[in-house]
Amino acid sequence: MIPVGLRIHEGHLWNVPTHHPPPLAILLHGLGRSPWSMRLIQRALVDQGYRVVNLGYPSRAADIATLATNVGRQIATLDGEA
């Protein structure tokens, strides 16, 4: 199984060259879950050299449209921080 976010080129996994900042992976858990549920994927991505933001949101506190808007705002604030 290939961790989410890894690229495949000619059958081999590869990362962006080291002279560039590491790529950013944003993880978002499912409804009724928490960032904890993404920990194995987070660890695998970090081990591959990715910067990882494992977002949490109150998935049971609002309707999906409101959650999507709020998560979008959270992601927008990450520019240059992660």
Protein backbone atom coordinates (compact mmCIF):
# COMPACT_ATOMS: atom_id res chain seq x y z
CA MET A 1 0.00 0.00 0.00
CA ILE A 2 1.29 3.46 -0.92
CA PRO A 3 0.77 6.17 1.74
CA VAL A 4 -1.46 9.03 0.62
CA GLY A 5 0.54 11.88 -0.89
CA LEU A 6 3.49 9.91 -2.23
CA ARG A 7 4.21 10.16 -5.90
CA ILE A 8 4.89 7.23 -8.20
CA HIS A 9 7.31 7.56 -11.11
CA GLU A 10 8.12 4.52 -13.23
CA GLY A 11 7.02 2.23 -10.42
CA HIS A 12 9.23 3.82 -7.74
CA LEU A 13 8.33 6.11 -4.85
CA TRP A 14 10.10 9.43 -4.87
CA ASN A 15 10.01 12.76 -3.07
CA VAL A 16 10.67 16.32 -4.19
CA PRO A 17 14.45 17.02 -4.38
CA THR A 18 15.99 18.15 -1.08
CA HIS A 19 16.88 21.65 -2.34
CA HIS A 20 13.17 22.48 -2.31
CA PRO A 21 11.08 22.80 0.84
CA PRO A 22 9.43 19.50 1.68
CA PRO A 23 5.94 19.09 0.28
CA LEU A 24 3.01 19.76 2.57
CA ALA A 25 0.36 17.12 3.24
CA ILE A 26 -2.88 18.22 4.88
CA LEU A 27 -4.76 15.40 6.57
CA LEU A 28 -8.45 15.66 7.34
CA HIS A 29 -10.26 12.98 9.29
CA GLY A 30 -13.77 11.81 8.48
CA LEU A 31 -17.05 12.71 10.13
CA GLY A 32 -17.32 11.34 13.63
CA ARG A 33 -13.55 10.81 13.85
CA SER A 34 -10.61 12.81 15.21
CA PRO A 35 -7.05 13.67 14.15
CA TRP A 36 -6.00 10.59 16.12
CA SER A 37 -7.51 8.41 13.38
CA MET A 38 -4.97 9.83 10.90
CA ARG A 39 -1.88 9.22 13.04
CA LEU A 40 -0.54 6.24 11.05
CA ILE A 41 -0.81 8.12 7.77
CA GLN A 42 0.76 11.16 9.43
CA ARG A 43 3.70 9.09 10.68
CA ALA A 44 4.22 7.48 7.26
CA LEU A 45 4.24 10.86 5.52
CA VAL A 46 6.64 12.40 8.04
CA ASP A 47 8.94 9.40 7.61
CA GLN A 48 8.92 10.11 3.84
CA GLY A 49 9.98 13.73 4.44
CA TYR A 50 6.63 15.51 4.18
CA ARG A 51 5.52 18.39 6.34
CA VAL A 52 2.19 17.29 7.75
CA VAL A 53 -0.73 19.22 9.19
CA ASN A 54 -3.26 16.90 10.79
CA LEU A 55 -6.34 19.11 11.09
CA GLY A 56 -8.97 18.59 13.70
CA TYR A 57 -12.50 19.91 13.54
CA PRO A 58 -15.69 19.32 15.54
CA SER A 59 -17.28 16.93 13.05
CA ARG A 60 -20.45 16.45 15.07
CA ALA A 61 -21.02 20.09 15.97
CA ALA A 62 -22.38 21.50 12.70
CA ASP A 63 -23.76 20.62 9.28
CA ILE A 64 -21.37 19.57 6.51
CA ALA A 65 -21.54 22.92 4.67
CA THR A 66 -20.53 24.81 7.82
CA LEU A 67 -17.77 22.32 8.57
CA ALA A 68 -16.42 22.65 5.01
CA THR A 69 -16.38 26.44 5.27
CA ASN A 70 -14.59 26.34 8.62
CA VAL A 71 -12.03 23.77 7.48
CA GLY A 72 -11.41 25.83 4.33
CA ARG A 73 -10.66 28.84 6.50
CA GLN A 74 -8.29 26.78 8.64
CA ILE A 75 -6.42 25.61 5.56
CA ALA A 76 -6.21 29.16 4.19
CA THR A 77 -4.43 30.29 7.36
CA LEU A 78 -1.69 27.68 6.84
CA ASP A 79 -0.04 29.59 3.99
CA GLY A 80 3.64 29.74 4.89
CA GLU A 81 3.18 28.40 8.42
CA ALA A 82 3.36 24.66 8.01
